[in-house]
């Protein structure tokens, strides 16, 4: 069971917090709960597990970083062909 509480925020912080909560698709109350949990080291939100980022963008294909200059050059040439 949760304990109900009331807080006061400066208007700019309130506006920014509401906007951030909306970006995350959660209520302002949930956003603040998550911040408190994170600060207290009790994060239970699924996003608290950083292992979810391992392998992001790993297609199993080539190492794009190795040939990045070639790829950028090809993209620029495609957008701006030489006359």
PDB file of N, CA and C in Angstrom:
ATOM      1  N   UNK A   1       0.843  -1.184   0.000  1.00  0.00           N
ATOM      2  CA  UNK A   1       0.000   0.000   0.000  1.00  0.00           C
ATOM      3  C   UNK A   1       0.887   1.247   0.000  1.00  0.00           C
ATOM      4  N   UNK A   2       0.471   2.249  -0.717  1.00  0.00           N
ATOM      5  CA  UNK A   2       1.258   3.479  -0.822  1.00  0.00           C
ATOM      6  C   UNK A   2       0.748   4.530   0.146  1.00  0.00           C
ATOM      7  N   UNK A   3       1.668   5.369   0.601  1.00  0.00           N
ATOM      8  CA  UNK A   3       1.312   6.506   1.454  1.00  0.00           C
ATOM      9  C   UNK A   3       1.122   7.722   0.557  1.00  0.00           C
ATOM     10  N   UNK A   4       0.021   8.384   0.716  1.00  0.00           N
ATOM     11  CA  UNK A   4      -0.267   9.577  -0.082  1.00  0.00           C
ATOM     12  C   UNK A   4       0.538  10.747   0.472  1.00  0.00           C
ATOM     13  N   UNK A   5       1.111  11.544  -0.435  1.00  0.00           N
ATOM     14  CA  UNK A   5       1.890  12.708  -0.017  1.00  0.00           C
ATOM     15  C   UNK A   5       1.657  13.851  -0.987  1.00  0.00           C
ATOM     16  N   UNK A   6       2.031  15.028  -0.573  1.00  0.00           N
ATOM     17  CA  UNK A   6       1.870  16.209  -1.420  1.00  0.00           C
ATOM     18  C   UNK A   6       3.205  16.934  -1.457  1.00  0.00           C
ATOM     19  N   UNK A   7       3.614  17.369  -2.640  1.00  0.00           N
ATOM     20  CA  UNK A   7       4.861  18.113  -2.774  1.00  0.00           C
ATOM     21  C   UNK A   7       4.592  19.411  -3.515  1.00  0.00           C
ATOM     22  N   UNK A   8       5.492  20.358  -3.346  1.00  0.00           N
ATOM     23  CA  UNK A   8       5.422  21.620  -4.080  1.00  0.00           C
ATOM     24  C   UNK A   8       6.679  21.743  -4.925  1.00  0.00           C
ATOM     25  N   UNK A   9       6.493  22.123  -6.176  1.00  0.00           N
ATOM     26  CA  UNK A   9       7.609  22.288  -7.105  1.00  0.00           C
ATOM     27  C   UNK A   9       7.576  23.695  -7.686  1.00  0.00           C
ATOM     28  N   UNK A  10       8.731  24.251  -7.993  1.00  0.00           N
ATOM     29  CA  UNK A  10       8.735  25.510  -8.732  1.00  0.00           C
ATOM     30  C   UNK A  10       8.028  25.280 -10.072  1.00  0.00           C
ATOM     31  N   UNK A  11       7.335  26.280 -10.588  1.00  0.00           N
ATOM     32  CA  UNK A  11       6.564  26.103 -11.827  1.00  0.00           C
ATOM     33  C   UNK A  11       7.362  25.513 -12.991  1.00  0.00           C
ATOM     34  N   UNK A  12       8.602  25.950 -13.179  1.00  0.00           N
ATOM     35  CA  UNK A  12       9.399  25.439 -14.293  1.00  0.00           C
ATOM     36  C   UNK A  12       9.707  23.955 -14.110  1.00  0.00           C
ATOM     37  N   UNK A  13      10.059  23.539 -12.899  1.00  0.00           N
ATOM     38  CA  UNK A  13      10.318  22.120 -12.646  1.00  0.00           C
ATOM     39  C   UNK A  13       9.051  21.294 -12.838  1.00  0.00           C
ATOM     40  N   UNK A  14       7.923  21.831 -12.416  1.00  0.00           N
ATOM     41  CA  UNK A  14       6.648  21.129 -12.571  1.00  0.00           C
ATOM     42  C   UNK A  14       6.338  20.921 -14.051  1.00  0.00           C
ATOM     43  N   UNK A  15       6.521  21.973 -14.837  1.00  0.00           N
ATOM     44  CA  UNK A  15       6.257  21.892 -16.274  1.00  0.00           C
ATOM     45  C   UNK A  15       7.178  20.870 -16.930  1.00  0.00           C
ATOM     46  N   UNK A  16       8.458  20.933 -16.602  1.00  0.00           N
ATOM     47  CA  UNK A  16       9.421  20.014 -17.210  1.00  0.00           C
ATOM     48  C   UNK A  16       9.180  18.572 -16.774  1.00  0.00           C
ATOM     49  N   UNK A  17       8.825  18.369 -15.516  1.00  0.00           N
ATOM     50  CA  UNK A  17       8.555  17.013 -15.019  1.00  0.00           C
ATOM     51  C   UNK A  17       7.316  16.432 -15.695  1.00  0.00           C
ATOM     52  N   UNK A  18       6.271  17.239 -15.851  1.00  0.00           N
ATOM     53  CA  UNK A  18       5.062  16.758 -16.535  1.00  0.00           C
ATOM     54  C   UNK A  18       5.367  16.390 -17.983  1.00  0.00           C
ATOM     55  N   UNK A  19       6.173  17.223 -18.637  1.00  0.00           N
ATOM     56  CA  UNK A  19       6.530  16.950 -20.029  1.00  0.00           C
ATOM     57  C   UNK A  19       7.346  15.657 -20.128  1.00  0.00           C
ATOM     58  N   UNK A  20       8.298  15.469 -19.227  1.00  0.00           N
ATOM     59  CA  UNK A  20       9.127  14.256 -19.258  1.00  0.00           C
ATOM     60  C   UNK A  20       8.280  13.022 -18.982  1.00  0.00           C
ATOM     61  N   UNK A  21       7.366  13.116 -18.025  1.00  0.00           N
ATOM     62  CA  UNK A  21       6.478  11.988 -17.730  1.00  0.00           C
ATOM     63  C   UNK A  21       5.646  11.644 -18.963  1.00  0.00           C
ATOM     64  N   UNK A  22       5.145  12.662 -19.649  1.00  0.00           N
ATOM     65  CA  UNK A  22       4.352  12.426 -20.858  1.00  0.00           C
ATOM     66  C   UNK A  22       5.199  11.752 -21.935  1.00  0.00           C
ATOM     67  N   UNK A  23       6.459  12.178 -22.076  1.00  0.00           N
ATOM     68  CA  UNK A  23       7.353  11.546 -23.054  1.00  0.00           C
ATOM     69  C   UNK A  23       7.540  10.062 -22.749  1.00  0.00           C
ATOM     70  N   UNK A  24       7.576   9.732 -21.458  1.00  0.00           N
ATOM     71  CA  UNK A  24       7.752   8.342 -21.040  1.00  0.00           C
ATOM     72  C   UNK A  24       6.439   7.564 -21.049  1.00  0.00           C
ATOM     73  N   UNK A  25       5.319   8.282 -21.224  1.00  0.00           N
ATOM     74  CA  UNK A  25       4.011   7.628 -21.242  1.00  0.00           C
ATOM     75  C   UNK A  25       3.532   7.210 -19.864  1.00  0.00           C
ATOM     76  N   UNK A  26       3.947   7.958 -18.842  1.00  0.00           N
ATOM     77  CA  UNK A  26       3.542   7.645 -17.471  1.00  0.00           C
ATOM     78  C   UNK A  26       2.993   8.897 -16.802  1.00  0.00           C
ATOM     79  N   UNK A  27       2.353   8.705 -15.663  1.00  0.00           N
ATOM     80  CA  UNK A  27       1.817   9.844 -14.921  1.00  0.00           C
ATOM     81  C   UNK A  27       2.948  10.591 -14.217  1.00  0.00           C
ATOM     82  N   UNK A  28       2.667  11.822 -13.829  1.00  0.00           N
ATOM     83  CA  UNK A  28       3.637  12.597 -13.063  1.00  0.00           C
ATOM     84  C   UNK A  28       3.958  11.880 -11.755  1.00  0.00           C
ATOM     85  N   UNK A  29       2.944  11.313 -11.114  1.00  0.00           N
ATOM     86  CA  UNK A  29       3.160  10.589  -9.857  1.00  0.00           C
ATOM     87  C   UNK A  29       4.104   9.405 -10.058  1.00  0.00           C
ATOM     88  N   UNK A  30       3.907   8.644 -11.129  1.00  0.00           N
ATOM     89  CA  UNK A  30       4.783   7.498 -11.397  1.00  0.00           C
ATOM     90  C   UNK A  30       6.201   7.962 -11.699  1.00  0.00           C
ATOM     91  N   UNK A  31       6.315   9.052 -12.426  1.00  0.00           N
ATOM     92  CA  UNK A  31       7.634   9.609 -12.734  1.00  0.00           C
ATOM     93  C   UNK A  31       8.376   9.957 -11.444  1.00  0.00           C
ATOM     94  N   UNK A  32       7.696  10.625 -10.528  1.00  0.00           N
ATOM     95  CA  UNK A  32       8.318  11.015  -9.262  1.00  0.00           C
ATOM     96  C   UNK A  32       8.639   9.784  -8.419  1.00  0.00           C
ATOM     97  N   UNK A  33       7.745   8.785  -8.406  1.00  0.00           N
ATOM     98  CA  UNK A  33       8.035   7.542  -7.667  1.00  0.00           C
ATOM     99  C   UNK A  33       9.315   6.891  -8.181  1.00  0.00           C
ATOM    100  N   UNK A  34       9.464   6.852  -9.500  1.00  0.00           N
ATOM    101  CA  UNK A  34      10.661   6.238 -10.086  1.00  0.00           C
ATOM    102  C   UNK A  34      11.926   7.012  -9.721  1.00  0.00           C
ATOM    103  N   UNK A  35      11.828   8.343  -9.716  1.00  0.00           N
ATOM    104  CA  UNK A  35      12.985   9.148  -9.326  1.00  0.00           C
ATOM    105  C   UNK A  35      13.380   8.870  -7.880  1.00  0.00           C
ATOM    106  N   UNK A  36      12.397   8.778  -7.002  1.00  0.00           N
ATOM    107  CA  UNK A  36      12.668   8.498  -5.590  1.00  0.00           C
ATOM    108  C   UNK A  36      13.280   7.111  -5.446  1.00  0.00           C
ATOM    109  N   UNK A  37      12.707   6.109  -6.121  1.00  0.00           N
ATOM    110  CA  UNK A  37      13.250   4.749  -6.051  1.00  0.00           C
ATOM    111  C   UNK A  37      14.693   4.707  -6.525  1.00  0.00           C
ATOM    112  N   UNK A  38      14.965   5.391  -7.630  1.00  0.00           N
ATOM    113  CA  UNK A  38      16.326   5.405  -8.179  1.00  0.00           C
ATOM    114  C   UNK A  38      17.289   6.073  -7.198  1.00  0.00           C
ATOM    115  N   UNK A  39      16.881   7.196  -6.630  1.00  0.00           N
ATOM    116  CA  UNK A  39      17.740   7.921  -5.703  1.00  0.00           C
ATOM    117  C   UNK A  39      18.026   7.108  -4.444  1.00  0.00           C
ATOM    118  N   UNK A  40      17.055   6.358  -4.003  1.00  0.00           N
ATOM    119  CA  UNK A  40      17.220   5.563  -2.790  1.00  0.00           C
ATOM    120  C   UNK A  40      17.858   4.206  -3.061  1.00  0.00           C
ATOM    121  N   UNK A  41      18.132   3.913  -4.315  1.00  0.00           N
ATOM    122  CA  UNK A  41      18.776   2.654  -4.659  1.00  0.00           C
ATOM    123  C   UNK A  41      17.844   1.469  -4.627  1.00  0.00           C
ATOM    124  N   UNK A  42      16.563   1.712  -4.789  1.00  0.00           N
ATOM    125  CA  UNK A  42      15.577   0.638  -4.747  1.00  0.00           C
ATOM    126  C   UNK A  42      14.861   0.494  -6.079  1.00  0.00           C
ATOM    127  N   UNK A  43      15.513   0.861  -7.144  1.00  0.00           N
ATOM    128  CA  UNK A  43      14.858   0.851  -8.450  1.00  0.00           C
ATOM    129  C   UNK A  43      14.333  -0.537  -8.781  1.00  0.00           C
ATOM    130  N   UNK A  44      13.056  -0.582  -9.111  1.00  0.00           N
ATOM    131  CA  UNK A  44      12.426  -1.840  -9.492  1.00  0.00           C
ATOM    132  C   UNK A  44      11.844  -1.765 -10.888  1.00  0.00           C
ATOM    133  N   UNK A  45      11.940  -0.593 -11.502  1.00  0.00           N
ATOM    134  CA  UNK A  45      11.392  -0.428 -12.847  1.00  0.00           C
ATOM    135  C   UNK A  45      12.177  -1.296 -13.822  1.00  0.00           C
ATOM    136  N   UNK A  46      11.528  -1.824 -14.848  1.00  0.00           N
ATOM    137  CA  UNK A  46      12.225  -2.665 -15.820  1.00  0.00           C
ATOM    138  C   UNK A  46      13.439  -1.978 -16.428  1.00  0.00           C
ATOM    139  N   UNK A  47      13.387  -0.661 -16.563  1.00  0.00           N
ATOM    140  CA  UNK A  47      14.496   0.053 -17.179  1.00  0.00           C
ATOM    141  C   UNK A  47      15.716   0.129 -16.269  1.00  0.00           C
ATOM    142  N   UNK A  48      15.587  -0.322 -15.017  1.00  0.00           N
ATOM    143  CA  UNK A  48      16.712  -0.259 -14.090  1.00  0.00           C
ATOM    144  C   UNK A  48      17.791  -1.282 -14.439  1.00  0.00           C
ATOM    145  N   UNK A  49      17.452  -2.303 -15.190  1.00  0.00           N
ATOM    146  CA  UNK A  49      18.396  -3.345 -15.556  1.00  0.00           C
ATOM    147  C   UNK A  49      19.141  -2.916 -16.812  1.00  0.00           C
ATOM    148  N   UNK A  50      20.412  -2.516 -16.658  1.00  0.00           N
ATOM    149  CA  UNK A  50      21.153  -2.005 -17.812  1.00  0.00           C
ATOM    150  C   UNK A  50      21.535  -3.085 -18.804  1.00  0.00           C
ATOM    151  N   UNK A  51      21.381  -4.343 -18.444  1.00  0.00           N
ATOM    152  CA  UNK A  51      21.753  -5.408 -19.377  1.00  0.00           C
ATOM    153  C   UNK A  51      20.899  -5.388 -20.639  1.00  0.00           C
ATOM    154  N   UNK A  52      19.752  -4.686 -20.602  1.00  0.00           N
ATOM    155  CA  UNK A  52      18.902  -4.622 -21.790  1.00  0.00           C
ATOM    156  C   UNK A  52      19.580  -3.876 -22.933  1.00  0.00           C
ATOM    157  N   UNK A  53      20.601  -3.054 -22.622  1.00  0.00           N
ATOM    158  CA  UNK A  53      21.259  -2.311 -23.697  1.00  0.00           C
ATOM    159  C   UNK A  53      22.353  -3.115 -24.377  1.00  0.00           C
ATOM    160  N   UNK A  54      22.795  -4.215 -23.773  1.00  0.00           N
ATOM    161  CA  UNK A  54      23.835  -5.025 -24.401  1.00  0.00           C
ATOM    162  C   UNK A  54      23.303  -5.615 -25.699  1.00  0.00           C
ATOM    163  N   UNK A  55      24.054  -5.447 -26.743  1.00  0.00           N
ATOM    164  CA  UNK A  55      23.664  -6.005 -28.023  1.00  0.00           C
ATOM    165  C   UNK A  55      22.723  -5.127 -28.820  1.00  0.00           C
ATOM    166  N   UNK A  56      22.345  -3.958 -28.297  1.00  0.00           N
ATOM    167  CA  UNK A  56      21.490  -3.067 -29.077  1.00  0.00           C
ATOM    168  C   UNK A  56      22.224  -2.690 -30.356  1.00  0.00           C
ATOM    169  N   UNK A  57      21.567  -2.783 -31.437  1.00  0.00           N
ATOM    170  CA  UNK A  57      22.165  -2.441 -32.716  1.00  0.00           C
ATOM    171  C   UNK A  57      23.064  -3.519 -33.281  1.00  0.00           C
ATOM    172  N   UNK A  58      23.161  -4.631 -32.590  1.00  0.00           N
ATOM    173  CA  UNK A  58      24.006  -5.723 -33.071  1.00  0.00           C
ATOM    174  C   UNK A  58      23.214  -6.562 -34.058  1.00  0.00           C
ATOM    175  N   UNK A  59      23.477  -6.334 -35.323  1.00  0.00           N
ATOM    176  CA  UNK A  59      22.757  -7.071 -36.359  1.00  0.00           C
ATOM    177  C   UNK A  59      23.451  -8.380 -36.692  1.00  0.00           C
ATOM    178  N   UNK A  60      24.654  -8.534 -36.161  1.00  0.00           N
ATOM    179  CA  UNK A  60      25.430  -9.706 -36.516  1.00  0.00           C
ATOM    180  C   UNK A  60      26.157  -9.526 -37.835  1.00  0.00           C
ATOM    181  N   UNK A  61      25.947  -8.365 -38.450  1.00  0.00           N
ATOM    182  CA  UNK A  61      26.581  -8.089 -39.734  1.00  0.00           C
ATOM    183  C   UNK A  61      27.954  -7.476 -39.565  1.00  0.00           C
ATOM    184  N   UNK A  62      28.329  -6.667 -40.535  1.00  0.00           N
ATOM    185  CA  UNK A  62      29.666  -6.080 -40.547  1.00  0.00           C
ATOM    186  C   UNK A  62      29.814  -4.988 -39.497  1.00  0.00           C
ATOM    187  N   UNK A  63      31.054  -4.628 -39.252  1.00  0.00           N
ATOM    188  CA  UNK A  63      31.376  -3.557 -38.323  1.00  0.00           C
ATOM    189  C   UNK A  63      31.330  -2.240 -39.089  1.00  0.00           C
ATOM    190  N   UNK A  64      30.246  -1.519 -38.956  1.00  0.00           N
ATOM    191  CA  UNK A  64      30.046  -0.280 -39.705  1.00  0.00           C
ATOM    192  C   UNK A  64      31.131   0.735 -39.374  1.00  0.00           C
ATOM    193  N   UNK A  65      31.596   0.751 -38.136  1.00  0.00           N
ATOM    194  CA  UNK A  65      32.597   1.735 -37.733  1.00  0.00           C
ATOM    195  C   UNK A  65      33.874   1.619 -38.557  1.00  0.00           C
ATOM    196  N   UNK A  66      34.191   0.440 -38.994  1.00  0.00           N
ATOM    197  CA  UNK A  66      35.411   0.226 -39.773  1.00  0.00           C
ATOM    198  C   UNK A  66      35.363   0.963 -41.105  1.00  0.00           C
ATOM    199  N   UNK A  67      34.192   1.041 -41.700  1.00  0.00           N
ATOM    200  CA  UNK A  67      34.049   1.635 -43.032  1.00  0.00           C
ATOM    201  C   UNK A  67      33.194   2.900 -43.024  1.00  0.00           C
ATOM    202  N   UNK A  68      33.103   3.555 -41.874  1.00  0.00           N
ATOM    203  CA  UNK A  68      32.197   4.698 -41.756  1.00  0.00           C
ATOM    204  C   UNK A  68      32.493   5.809 -42.754  1.00  0.00           C
ATOM    205  N   UNK A  69      33.757   6.093 -43.011  1.00  0.00           N
ATOM    206  CA  UNK A  69      34.094   7.176 -43.937  1.00  0.00           C
ATOM    207  C   UNK A  69      33.631   6.847 -45.358  1.00  0.00           C
ATOM    208  N   UNK A  70      33.765   5.607 -45.746  1.00  0.00           N
ATOM    209  CA  UNK A  70      33.292   5.187 -47.067  1.00  0.00           C
ATOM    210  C   UNK A  70      31.778   5.341 -47.164  1.00  0.00           C
ATOM    211  N   UNK A  71      31.072   4.911 -46.114  1.00  0.00           N
ATOM    212  CA  UNK A  71      29.610   4.966 -46.126  1.00  0.00           C
ATOM    213  C   UNK A  71      29.104   6.400 -46.148  1.00  0.00           C
ATOM    214  N   UNK A  72      29.743   7.275 -45.382  1.00  0.00           N
ATOM    215  CA  UNK A  72      29.338   8.684 -45.378  1.00  0.00           C
ATOM    216  C   UNK A  72      29.586   9.290 -46.750  1.00  0.00           C
ATOM    217  N   UNK A  73      30.728   8.988 -47.345  1.00  0.00           N
ATOM    218  CA  UNK A  73      31.026   9.498 -48.685  1.00  0.00           C
ATOM    219  C   UNK A  73      30.013   9.040 -49.711  1.00  0.00           C
ATOM    220  N   UNK A  74      29.627   7.772 -49.648  1.00  0.00           N
ATOM    221  CA  UNK A  74      28.622   7.242 -50.575  1.00  0.00           C
ATOM    222  C   UNK A  74      27.276   7.932 -50.381  1.00  0.00           C
ATOM    223  N   UNK A  75      26.911   8.176 -49.131  1.00  0.00           N
ATOM    224  CA  UNK A  75      25.631   8.831 -48.852  1.00  0.00           C
ATOM    225  C   UNK A  75      25.631  10.263 -49.368  1.00  0.00           C
ATOM    226  N   UNK A  76      26.732  10.976 -49.160  1.00  0.00           N
ATOM    227  CA  UNK A  76      26.827  12.356 -49.647  1.00  0.00           C
ATOM    228  C   UNK A  76      26.793  12.378 -51.167  1.00  0.00           C
ATOM    229  N   UNK A  77      27.521  11.476 -51.807  1.00  0.00           N
ATOM    230  CA  UNK A  77      27.516  11.407 -53.273  1.00  0.00           C
ATOM    231  C   UNK A  77      26.119  11.105 -53.812  1.00  0.00           C
ATOM    232  N   UNK A  78      25.378  10.265 -53.112  1.00  0.00           N
ATOM    233  CA  UNK A  78      24.026   9.923 -53.560  1.00  0.00           C
ATOM    234  C   UNK A  78      23.097  11.125 -53.464  1.00  0.00           C
ATOM    235  N   UNK A  79      23.284  11.944 -52.428  1.00  0.00           N
ATOM    236  CA  UNK A  79      22.429  13.122 -52.251  1.00  0.00           C
ATOM    237  C   UNK A  79      22.867  14.294 -53.122  1.00  0.00           C
ATOM    238  N   UNK A  80      24.156  14.389 -53.378  1.00  0.00           N
ATOM    239  CA  UNK A  80      24.715  15.509 -54.138  1.00  0.00           C
ATOM    240  C   UNK A  80      25.648  14.979 -55.225  1.00  0.00           C
ATOM    241  N   UNK A  81      25.074  14.424 -56.302  1.00  0.00           N
ATOM    242  CA  UNK A  81      25.926  13.864 -57.363  1.00  0.00           C
ATOM    243  C   UNK A  81      26.812  14.936 -57.986  1.00  0.00           C
ATOM    244  N   UNK A  82      28.003  14.526 -58.339  1.00  0.00           N
ATOM    245  CA  UNK A  82      28.938  15.456 -58.989  1.00  0.00           C
ATOM    246  C   UNK A  82      28.550  15.611 -60.446  1.00  0.00           C
ATOM    247  N   UNK A  83      28.775  16.783 -60.969  1.00  0.00           N
ATOM    248  CA  UNK A  83      28.387  17.076 -62.355  1.00  0.00           C
ATOM    249  C   UNK A  83      29.453  16.706 -63.314  1.00  0.00           C
TER     250      UNK A  83
END
